[in-house]
Each structure stands twice: as C-alpha cells, then as structure tokens.
Amino acid sequence: MNQTALITGASSGIGKEFATQLAAKGMDVILVARSTGKLQELATELQTKWNVNATVITADLSKEYGAKDVYKQTQELGLTVDYLVNNAGFATSGEFLSNPHETDHNQVMVNVATVVDMTHLYLKDMVAKGSGTIINLASVVSFQPVPYMAVYGATKAFVLSFTESLWEEYR
C-alpha cells in the first residue's frame, strides 16, 4: 500500500515541487491550496506521469480553523496521512504600519495557526499508528529579526521553534 503525503500550498513553488518529488517516489498525494484549477492540473499531471493517486482539497487556510476542514475532508475520504508538509505561507514587506491589519492577521493565520492546527490534527494519528513524518517550512529569516518583514520573520521564527520543540518531544 502506498504512503500518502498531504502538502499545503501545493499549487505552486516549493509546495508543487514537494508534490512532484514525493509522487515521483511513488507516494499518493493530497494537494491543498486555494487554487482549484491549478491543483486539478497538477493532480492530473502527477497521476499521469507517476501513476499515483492525487486528491485535491481546495481550502483557504487563512480562515479560522481552515485546517479542521481539511482534516475532516481527509477523514471523510478515508485517507491516512503518512507525510504532512506544512508549506502554505506568504510574506509581506514594508514598514509595519504600511501593511493592512487584515493582511498581517491572515499571514499569522496561515504561517502560524495553520501549522499548529494541521500538526495537532495529523500528529495524533501518526503517534497512534507509530509512524509518520511532518515537514514544517520555515525560512532563513527564522534566525534573526528582519526589519520591514517583521510579521513574516516572527511567524517563521515561531515555525522553527515549534518544530524543534516537537522534534524533541516525538523523536
């Protein structure tokens, strides 16, 4: 039986590359992002090229408890997640007050709350079965304050600290 990887932010960039590389290794993939069309296109490509199952879940992870909706859909579809790639995220730049409050709030929701929520939901299943892998994408800005990218830098510092703490707890 194939293992299954769930990748957030799978419609482009690093997320798309994770999906492609994991499918090339024979893993089934669950592709999560806001862009249904891009996800469907990628799913078809991966299924055709690598003969894997590719499931599309359209979700806006900036919404309160968006991760719960993704988890619920995977449960309803009977999908077990062996690899979780928390890749969804975005950055803003500029002087802090020049960015709209709503944009900064959404950035924290995607870059922090979604990582915590997805990890919480899928890690419990991994612990119960005794195996699983979680990859949380941080950034080089995780290691130092970054003026004019204050919110992004802080969210990625959170991801790094959170991931290192969980690594110690669950290794």
N, C-alpha and C. Protein backbone atom coordinates (compact mmCIF):
# COMPACT_ATOMS: atom_id res chain seq x y z
N MET A 1 0.84 -1.19 0.00
CA MET A 1 0.00 0.00 0.00
C MET A 1 0.87 1.25 0.00
N ASN A 2 0.55 2.17 -0.86
CA ASN A 2 1.32 3.41 -0.96
C ASN A 2 1.15 4.28 0.28
N GLN A 3 2.20 5.02 0.58
CA GLN A 3 2.08 6.04 1.60
C GLN A 3 1.47 7.28 0.96
N THR A 4 0.91 8.14 1.82
CA THR A 4 0.25 9.34 1.33
C THR A 4 0.84 10.57 2.00
N ALA A 5 1.11 11.59 1.17
CA ALA A 5 1.63 12.87 1.66
C ALA A 5 0.58 13.95 1.42
N LEU A 6 0.35 14.76 2.42
CA LEU A 6 -0.52 15.93 2.30
C LEU A 6 0.39 17.15 2.25
N ILE A 7 0.23 17.96 1.20
CA ILE A 7 1.06 19.14 1.01
C ILE A 7 0.16 20.37 0.96
N THR A 8 0.37 21.31 1.89
CA THR A 8 -0.36 22.57 1.83
C THR A 8 0.42 23.54 0.94
N GLY A 9 -0.30 24.44 0.31
CA GLY A 9 0.35 25.36 -0.61
C GLY A 9 0.91 24.64 -1.81
N ALA A 10 0.20 23.60 -2.26
CA ALA A 10 0.71 22.71 -3.31
C ALA A 10 0.54 23.23 -4.73
N SER A 11 -0.14 24.34 -4.90
CA SER A 11 -0.45 24.79 -6.26
C SER A 11 0.72 25.44 -6.99
N SER A 12 1.78 25.83 -6.25
CA SER A 12 2.91 26.47 -6.91
C SER A 12 4.15 26.40 -6.02
N GLY A 13 5.27 26.82 -6.58
CA GLY A 13 6.50 26.98 -5.82
C GLY A 13 6.99 25.72 -5.14
N ILE A 14 7.45 25.89 -3.90
CA ILE A 14 8.02 24.78 -3.13
C ILE A 14 6.99 23.68 -2.90
N GLY A 15 5.74 24.04 -2.65
CA GLY A 15 4.70 23.04 -2.44
C GLY A 15 4.50 22.16 -3.65
N LYS A 16 4.46 22.76 -4.81
CA LYS A 16 4.32 22.00 -6.06
C LYS A 16 5.51 21.08 -6.25
N GLU A 17 6.70 21.57 -5.93
CA GLU A 17 7.91 20.75 -6.06
C GLU A 17 7.89 19.58 -5.08
N PHE A 18 7.45 19.81 -3.84
CA PHE A 18 7.30 18.71 -2.89
C PHE A 18 6.35 17.66 -3.45
N ALA A 19 5.21 18.10 -3.95
CA ALA A 19 4.23 17.17 -4.50
C ALA A 19 4.82 16.35 -5.65
N THR A 20 5.54 17.01 -6.53
CA THR A 20 6.14 16.34 -7.67
C THR A 20 7.19 15.33 -7.23
N GLN A 21 8.06 15.73 -6.33
CA GLN A 21 9.13 14.83 -5.87
C GLN A 21 8.58 13.63 -5.10
N LEU A 22 7.58 13.86 -4.27
CA LEU A 22 7.00 12.75 -3.50
C LEU A 22 6.24 11.80 -4.41
N ALA A 23 5.52 12.33 -5.38
CA ALA A 23 4.83 11.49 -6.36
C ALA A 23 5.83 10.67 -7.17
N ALA A 24 6.95 11.28 -7.52
CA ALA A 24 8.00 10.57 -8.26
C ALA A 24 8.55 9.40 -7.47
N LYS A 25 8.47 9.48 -6.15
CA LYS A 25 8.91 8.39 -5.28
C LYS A 25 7.79 7.35 -5.05
N GLY A 26 6.65 7.57 -5.71
CA GLY A 26 5.55 6.61 -5.63
C GLY A 26 4.53 6.90 -4.54
N MET A 27 4.61 8.05 -3.92
CA MET A 27 3.65 8.39 -2.87
C MET A 27 2.38 8.97 -3.47
N ASP A 28 1.25 8.59 -2.91
CA ASP A 28 0.00 9.26 -3.23
C ASP A 28 0.06 10.65 -2.59
N VAL A 29 -0.63 11.61 -3.17
CA VAL A 29 -0.57 12.97 -2.65
C VAL A 29 -1.95 13.56 -2.46
N ILE A 30 -2.05 14.39 -1.44
CA ILE A 30 -3.24 15.21 -1.20
C ILE A 30 -2.77 16.64 -1.36
N LEU A 31 -3.32 17.30 -2.35
CA LEU A 31 -2.89 18.64 -2.72
C LEU A 31 -3.86 19.66 -2.14
N VAL A 32 -3.35 20.58 -1.33
CA VAL A 32 -4.19 21.57 -0.66
C VAL A 32 -3.73 22.97 -1.01
N ALA A 33 -4.66 23.80 -1.45
CA ALA A 33 -4.41 25.22 -1.71
C ALA A 33 -5.76 25.87 -2.03
N ARG A 34 -5.72 27.16 -2.35
CA ARG A 34 -6.95 27.88 -2.70
C ARG A 34 -7.30 27.75 -4.17
N SER A 35 -6.34 27.43 -5.01
CA SER A 35 -6.50 27.46 -6.47
C SER A 35 -6.92 26.11 -7.03
N THR A 36 -8.22 25.88 -7.11
CA THR A 36 -8.74 24.59 -7.57
C THR A 36 -8.20 24.22 -8.95
N GLY A 37 -8.22 25.15 -9.87
CA GLY A 37 -7.77 24.87 -11.23
C GLY A 37 -6.32 24.41 -11.28
N LYS A 38 -5.44 25.12 -10.59
CA LYS A 38 -4.02 24.74 -10.55
C LYS A 38 -3.83 23.38 -9.89
N LEU A 39 -4.59 23.13 -8.83
CA LEU A 39 -4.49 21.84 -8.14
C LEU A 39 -4.95 20.70 -9.03
N GLN A 40 -6.06 20.90 -9.74
CA GLN A 40 -6.58 19.86 -10.64
C GLN A 40 -5.57 19.57 -11.74
N GLU A 41 -4.97 20.61 -12.28
CA GLU A 41 -3.97 20.46 -13.33
C GLU A 41 -2.77 19.66 -12.81
N LEU A 42 -2.30 20.00 -11.62
CA LEU A 42 -1.18 19.28 -11.03
C LEU A 42 -1.55 17.83 -10.72
N ALA A 43 -2.74 17.63 -10.20
CA ALA A 43 -3.19 16.27 -9.88
C ALA A 43 -3.19 15.39 -11.13
N THR A 44 -3.72 15.90 -12.22
CA THR A 44 -3.75 15.15 -13.48
C THR A 44 -2.34 14.84 -13.95
N GLU A 45 -1.46 15.83 -13.87
CA GLU A 45 -0.06 15.64 -14.28
C GLU A 45 0.61 14.54 -13.46
N LEU A 46 0.45 14.59 -12.14
CA LEU A 46 1.10 13.61 -11.26
C LEU A 46 0.52 12.21 -11.45
N GLN A 47 -0.78 12.12 -11.61
CA GLN A 47 -1.42 10.82 -11.83
C GLN A 47 -0.94 10.20 -13.14
N THR A 48 -0.86 11.01 -14.17
CA THR A 48 -0.45 10.52 -15.48
C THR A 48 1.03 10.13 -15.50
N LYS A 49 1.86 10.99 -14.97
CA LYS A 49 3.30 10.77 -15.04
C LYS A 49 3.80 9.70 -14.08
N TRP A 50 3.24 9.66 -12.87
CA TRP A 50 3.78 8.78 -11.84
C TRP A 50 2.82 7.67 -11.40
N ASN A 51 1.62 7.62 -11.97
CA ASN A 51 0.66 6.58 -11.64
C ASN A 51 0.37 6.51 -10.13
N VAL A 52 0.13 7.66 -9.53
CA VAL A 52 -0.22 7.75 -8.12
C VAL A 52 -1.61 8.36 -8.00
N ASN A 53 -2.21 8.20 -6.85
CA ASN A 53 -3.48 8.87 -6.57
C ASN A 53 -3.16 10.31 -6.13
N ALA A 54 -3.90 11.24 -6.68
CA ALA A 54 -3.73 12.65 -6.31
C ALA A 54 -5.11 13.22 -5.99
N THR A 55 -5.30 13.59 -4.76
CA THR A 55 -6.57 14.13 -4.28
C THR A 55 -6.44 15.63 -4.12
N VAL A 56 -7.43 16.36 -4.58
CA VAL A 56 -7.44 17.82 -4.48
C VAL A 56 -8.39 18.24 -3.37
N ILE A 57 -7.90 19.09 -2.48
CA ILE A 57 -8.74 19.71 -1.45
C ILE A 57 -8.51 21.21 -1.54
N THR A 58 -9.54 21.92 -1.92
CA THR A 58 -9.46 23.37 -2.01
C THR A 58 -9.77 23.95 -0.63
N ALA A 59 -8.87 24.79 -0.13
CA ALA A 59 -9.07 25.36 1.20
C ALA A 59 -8.36 26.69 1.31
N ASP A 60 -8.98 27.62 2.02
CA ASP A 60 -8.35 28.89 2.36
C ASP A 60 -7.87 28.77 3.79
N LEU A 61 -6.58 28.55 3.96
CA LEU A 61 -6.03 28.30 5.29
C LEU A 61 -5.83 29.56 6.12
N SER A 62 -6.22 30.71 5.57
CA SER A 62 -6.21 31.94 6.37
C SER A 62 -7.49 32.07 7.19
N LYS A 63 -8.46 31.23 6.92
CA LYS A 63 -9.73 31.26 7.64
C LYS A 63 -9.61 30.51 8.96
N GLU A 64 -10.33 31.01 9.94
CA GLU A 64 -10.32 30.39 11.27
C GLU A 64 -10.62 28.89 11.17
N TYR A 65 -9.74 28.09 11.70
CA TYR A 65 -9.87 26.63 11.72
C TYR A 65 -10.00 26.01 10.33
N GLY A 66 -9.37 26.62 9.33
CA GLY A 66 -9.35 26.05 7.99
C GLY A 66 -8.74 24.66 7.98
N ALA A 67 -7.77 24.42 8.85
CA ALA A 67 -7.13 23.11 8.92
C ALA A 67 -8.12 22.03 9.35
N LYS A 68 -9.07 22.37 10.22
CA LYS A 68 -10.08 21.39 10.64
C LYS A 68 -10.90 20.91 9.46
N ASP A 69 -11.21 21.82 8.54
CA ASP A 69 -11.97 21.44 7.35
C ASP A 69 -11.17 20.48 6.48
N VAL A 70 -9.88 20.74 6.33
CA VAL A 70 -9.03 19.84 5.55
C VAL A 70 -8.99 18.48 6.21
N TYR A 71 -8.78 18.44 7.52
CA TYR A 71 -8.73 17.17 8.24
C TYR A 71 -10.04 16.40 8.09
N LYS A 72 -11.15 17.12 8.24
CA LYS A 72 -12.46 16.49 8.11
C LYS A 72 -12.62 15.86 6.72
N GLN A 73 -12.19 16.58 5.69
CA GLN A 73 -12.31 16.04 4.33
C GLN A 73 -11.45 14.80 4.14
N THR A 74 -10.23 14.80 4.69
CA THR A 74 -9.39 13.60 4.54
C THR A 74 -10.02 12.43 5.28
N GLN A 75 -10.61 12.69 6.43
CA GLN A 75 -11.27 11.61 7.19
C GLN A 75 -12.47 11.06 6.42
N GLU A 76 -13.28 11.96 5.86
CA GLU A 76 -14.45 11.53 5.09
C GLU A 76 -14.06 10.73 3.85
N LEU A 77 -12.90 11.04 3.27
CA LEU A 77 -12.42 10.31 2.10
C LEU A 77 -11.66 9.04 2.47
N GLY A 78 -11.50 8.80 3.76
CA GLY A 78 -10.80 7.60 4.22
C GLY A 78 -9.30 7.64 3.95
N LEU A 79 -8.73 8.83 3.91
CA LEU A 79 -7.31 8.97 3.60
C LEU A 79 -6.47 9.05 4.88
N THR A 80 -5.40 8.28 4.90
CA THR A 80 -4.45 8.32 6.00
C THR A 80 -3.25 9.13 5.55
N VAL A 81 -2.82 10.06 6.35
CA VAL A 81 -1.68 10.91 6.01
C VAL A 81 -0.43 10.38 6.71
N ASP A 82 0.55 9.98 5.89
CA ASP A 82 1.82 9.48 6.42
C ASP A 82 2.87 10.59 6.49
N TYR A 83 2.78 11.53 5.57
CA TYR A 83 3.69 12.68 5.49
C TYR A 83 2.83 13.94 5.43
N LEU A 84 3.12 14.87 6.31
CA LEU A 84 2.46 16.16 6.30
C LEU A 84 3.51 17.21 5.97
N VAL A 85 3.29 17.95 4.91
CA VAL A 85 4.20 19.03 4.53
C VAL A 85 3.45 20.35 4.72
N ASN A 86 3.76 21.03 5.81
CA ASN A 86 3.16 22.33 6.11
C ASN A 86 3.96 23.39 5.36
N ASN A 87 3.55 23.64 4.13
CA ASN A 87 4.26 24.56 3.26
C ASN A 87 3.52 25.87 3.03
N ALA A 88 2.21 25.88 3.12
CA ALA A 88 1.44 27.09 2.82
C ALA A 88 1.96 28.26 3.64
N GLY A 89 2.07 29.40 3.00
CA GLY A 89 2.52 30.59 3.71
C GLY A 89 2.71 31.73 2.74
N PHE A 90 2.81 32.92 3.28
CA PHE A 90 3.10 34.07 2.45
C PHE A 90 3.78 35.14 3.28
N ALA A 91 4.41 36.08 2.58
CA ALA A 91 5.16 37.14 3.24
C ALA A 91 4.65 38.50 2.79
N THR A 92 4.79 39.46 3.67
CA THR A 92 4.58 40.85 3.32
C THR A 92 5.88 41.58 3.62
N SER A 93 6.03 42.74 3.02
CA SER A 93 7.21 43.53 3.30
C SER A 93 6.82 45.00 3.34
N GLY A 94 7.69 45.78 3.90
CA GLY A 94 7.42 47.20 4.05
C GLY A 94 7.32 47.55 5.52
N GLU A 95 7.23 48.83 5.79
CA GLU A 95 7.08 49.29 7.15
C GLU A 95 5.81 48.69 7.74
N PHE A 96 5.89 48.24 8.97
CA PHE A 96 4.79 47.51 9.62
C PHE A 96 3.44 48.18 9.41
N LEU A 97 3.32 49.46 9.70
CA LEU A 97 2.03 50.14 9.61
C LEU A 97 1.58 50.38 8.18
N SER A 98 2.45 50.14 7.21
CA SER A 98 2.04 50.31 5.82
C SER A 98 1.26 49.11 5.29
N ASN A 99 1.30 48.01 6.00
CA ASN A 99 0.55 46.82 5.59
C ASN A 99 -0.81 46.80 6.27
N PRO A 100 -1.85 46.45 5.54
CA PRO A 100 -3.19 46.38 6.15
C PRO A 100 -3.22 45.36 7.30
N HIS A 101 -3.91 45.73 8.35
CA HIS A 101 -4.05 44.84 9.51
C HIS A 101 -4.57 43.47 9.09
N GLU A 102 -5.55 43.44 8.20
CA GLU A 102 -6.15 42.16 7.77
C GLU A 102 -5.13 41.27 7.09
N THR A 103 -4.23 41.87 6.32
CA THR A 103 -3.20 41.09 5.64
C THR A 103 -2.24 40.48 6.65
N ASP A 104 -1.83 41.26 7.63
CA ASP A 104 -0.95 40.72 8.67
C ASP A 104 -1.65 39.62 9.48
N HIS A 105 -2.91 39.84 9.78
CA HIS A 105 -3.68 38.81 10.50
C HIS A 105 -3.74 37.51 9.70
N ASN A 106 -4.04 37.63 8.42
CA ASN A 106 -4.11 36.43 7.56
C ASN A 106 -2.76 35.74 7.46
N GLN A 107 -1.69 36.53 7.45
CA GLN A 107 -0.35 35.96 7.40
C GLN A 107 -0.07 35.12 8.65
N VAL A 108 -0.46 35.62 9.80
CA VAL A 108 -0.28 34.86 11.05
C VAL A 108 -1.17 33.61 11.04
N MET A 109 -2.37 33.74 10.51
CA MET A 109 -3.27 32.56 10.45
C MET A 109 -2.66 31.45 9.59
N VAL A 110 -2.15 31.81 8.41
CA VAL A 110 -1.58 30.80 7.51
C VAL A 110 -0.24 30.29 8.02
N ASN A 111 0.65 31.21 8.37
CA ASN A 111 2.02 30.84 8.70
C ASN A 111 2.19 30.24 10.09
N VAL A 112 1.26 30.52 11.00
CA VAL A 112 1.39 30.02 12.38
C VAL A 112 0.21 29.12 12.76
N ALA A 113 -0.99 29.68 12.79
CA ALA A 113 -2.14 28.92 13.29
C ALA A 113 -2.38 27.65 12.46
N THR A 114 -2.25 27.75 11.15
CA THR A 114 -2.48 26.58 10.32
C THR A 114 -1.42 25.51 10.57
N VAL A 115 -0.17 25.92 10.76
CA VAL A 115 0.90 24.95 11.05
C VAL A 115 0.60 24.22 12.36
N VAL A 116 0.20 24.97 13.38
CA VAL A 116 -0.13 24.36 14.67
C VAL A 116 -1.34 23.43 14.52
N ASP A 117 -2.38 23.92 13.87
CA ASP A 117 -3.61 23.13 13.75
C ASP A 117 -3.40 21.87 12.91
N MET A 118 -2.74 21.99 11.77
CA MET A 118 -2.50 20.81 10.92
C MET A 118 -1.65 19.79 11.68
N THR A 119 -0.63 20.29 12.36
CA THR A 119 0.25 19.40 13.12
C THR A 119 -0.52 18.71 14.22
N HIS A 120 -1.32 19.46 14.94
CA HIS A 120 -2.10 18.88 16.04
C HIS A 120 -3.03 17.78 15.53
N LEU A 121 -3.71 18.05 14.43
CA LEU A 121 -4.69 17.10 13.90
C LEU A 121 -4.04 15.84 13.35
N TYR A 122 -2.97 15.97 12.59
CA TYR A 122 -2.38 14.80 11.94
C TYR A 122 -1.35 14.09 12.81
N LEU A 123 -0.67 14.81 13.71
CA LEU A 123 0.32 14.17 14.57
C LEU A 123 -0.32 13.13 15.48
N LYS A 124 -1.51 13.42 15.97
CA LYS A 124 -2.16 12.44 16.88
C LYS A 124 -2.39 11.12 16.16
N ASP A 125 -2.74 11.17 14.89
CA ASP A 125 -2.93 9.94 14.11
C ASP A 125 -1.60 9.23 13.88
N MET A 126 -0.55 10.00 13.62
CA MET A 126 0.77 9.42 13.41
C MET A 126 1.29 8.75 14.67
N VAL A 127 1.10 9.40 15.81
CA VAL A 127 1.52 8.82 17.08
C VAL A 127 0.74 7.53 17.34
N ALA A 128 -0.56 7.54 17.07
CA ALA A 128 -1.39 6.35 17.29
C ALA A 128 -0.92 5.17 16.46
N LYS A 129 -0.48 5.40 15.23
CA LYS A 129 -0.03 4.28 14.37
C LYS A 129 1.47 4.02 14.50
N GLY A 130 2.17 4.88 15.21
CA GLY A 130 3.59 4.65 15.46
C GLY A 130 4.52 5.06 14.33
N SER A 131 4.04 5.85 13.39
CA SER A 131 4.91 6.32 12.31
C SER A 131 4.32 7.55 11.65
N GLY A 132 5.19 8.28 10.99
CA GLY A 132 4.76 9.47 10.26
C GLY A 132 5.87 10.50 10.21
N THR A 133 5.72 11.43 9.31
CA THR A 133 6.70 12.48 9.12
C THR A 133 5.98 13.81 8.93
N ILE A 134 6.49 14.84 9.60
CA ILE A 134 5.97 16.19 9.42
C ILE A 134 7.12 17.09 9.03
N ILE A 135 6.93 17.82 7.95
CA ILE A 135 7.91 18.80 7.50
C ILE A 135 7.24 20.16 7.56
N ASN A 136 7.80 21.05 8.39
CA ASN A 136 7.31 22.42 8.51
C ASN A 136 8.33 23.34 7.85
N LEU A 137 7.90 24.11 6.88
CA LEU A 137 8.83 25.00 6.19
C LEU A 137 8.94 26.32 6.93
N ALA A 138 10.16 26.63 7.31
CA ALA A 138 10.44 27.92 7.94
C ALA A 138 11.17 28.77 6.90
N SER A 139 12.22 29.44 7.30
CA SER A 139 12.93 30.33 6.39
C SER A 139 14.24 30.75 7.04
N VAL A 140 15.15 31.23 6.23
CA VAL A 140 16.39 31.77 6.78
C VAL A 140 16.09 32.94 7.71
N VAL A 141 14.98 33.63 7.52
CA VAL A 141 14.63 34.74 8.40
C VAL A 141 14.17 34.27 9.77
N SER A 142 14.08 32.96 9.97
CA SER A 142 13.73 32.41 11.28
C SER A 142 14.79 32.71 12.32
N PHE A 143 15.99 33.00 11.88
CA PHE A 143 17.13 33.09 12.79
C PHE A 143 17.45 34.49 13.27
N GLN A 144 16.77 35.51 12.75
CA GLN A 144 17.08 36.87 13.17
C GLN A 144 15.91 37.79 12.86
N PRO A 145 15.78 38.90 13.59
CA PRO A 145 14.75 39.87 13.26
C PRO A 145 15.01 40.46 11.87
N VAL A 146 13.94 40.75 11.15
CA VAL A 146 14.07 41.29 9.81
C VAL A 146 13.21 42.55 9.70
N PRO A 147 13.83 43.72 9.87
CA PRO A 147 13.06 44.94 9.69
C PRO A 147 12.41 44.97 8.30
N TYR A 148 11.22 45.51 8.24
CA TYR A 148 10.42 45.60 7.02
C TYR A 148 9.85 44.25 6.58
N MET A 149 10.04 43.24 7.39
CA MET A 149 9.37 41.95 7.21
C MET A 149 9.07 41.39 8.61
N ALA A 150 8.65 42.27 9.50
CA ALA A 150 8.52 41.92 10.92
C ALA A 150 7.57 40.76 11.15
N VAL A 151 6.40 40.79 10.54
CA VAL A 151 5.41 39.74 10.79
C VAL A 151 5.88 38.42 10.18
N TYR A 152 6.35 38.47 8.95
CA TYR A 152 6.83 37.24 8.30
C TYR A 152 7.98 36.62 9.10
N GLY A 153 8.97 37.44 9.47
CA GLY A 153 10.10 36.92 10.23
C GLY A 153 9.66 36.30 11.55
N ALA A 154 8.73 36.95 12.23
CA ALA A 154 8.24 36.42 13.51
C ALA A 154 7.48 35.11 13.31
N THR A 155 6.68 35.02 12.24
CA THR A 155 5.94 33.77 12.02
C THR A 155 6.89 32.62 11.72
N LYS A 156 7.94 32.89 10.96
CA LYS A 156 8.87 31.82 10.61
C LYS A 156 9.76 31.45 11.79
N ALA A 157 10.07 32.39 12.68
CA ALA A 157 10.78 32.07 13.92
C ALA A 157 9.91 31.15 14.78
N PHE A 158 8.61 31.42 14.80
CA PHE A 158 7.69 30.54 15.52
C PHE A 158 7.75 29.14 14.95
N VAL A 159 7.67 29.02 13.63
CA VAL A 159 7.67 27.70 12.99
C VAL A 159 8.95 26.93 13.35
N LEU A 160 10.08 27.60 13.32
CA LEU A 160 11.34 26.94 13.66
C LEU A 160 11.34 26.46 15.10
N SER A 161 10.97 27.32 16.03
CA SER A 161 10.94 26.96 17.45
C SER A 161 9.94 25.84 17.72
N PHE A 162 8.76 25.95 17.15
CA PHE A 162 7.71 24.94 17.30
C PHE A 162 8.20 23.58 16.79
N THR A 163 8.81 23.58 15.62
CA THR A 163 9.26 22.34 15.00
C THR A 163 10.38 21.69 15.81
N GLU A 164 11.34 22.49 16.26
CA GLU A 164 12.42 21.93 17.05
C GLU A 164 11.92 21.36 18.38
N SER A 165 10.94 22.00 18.98
CA SER A 165 10.36 21.50 20.23
C SER A 165 9.65 20.17 20.01
N LEU A 166 8.86 20.10 18.94
CA LEU A 166 8.14 18.84 18.66
C LEU A 166 9.09 17.72 18.28
N TRP A 167 10.16 18.06 17.59
CA TRP A 167 11.16 17.05 17.23
C TRP A 167 11.67 16.37 18.51
N GLU A 168 11.99 17.16 19.51
CA GLU A 168 12.49 16.60 20.77
C GLU A 168 11.40 15.78 21.47
N GLU A 169 10.18 16.25 21.46
CA GLU A 169 9.09 15.53 22.13
C GLU A 169 8.75 14.20 21.48
N TYR A 170 8.82 14.13 20.15
CA TYR A 170 8.30 12.96 19.46
C TYR A 170 9.32 12.15 18.70
N ARG A 171 10.62 12.43 18.89
CA ARG A 171 11.61 11.65 18.14
C ARG A 171 11.65 10.27 18.67
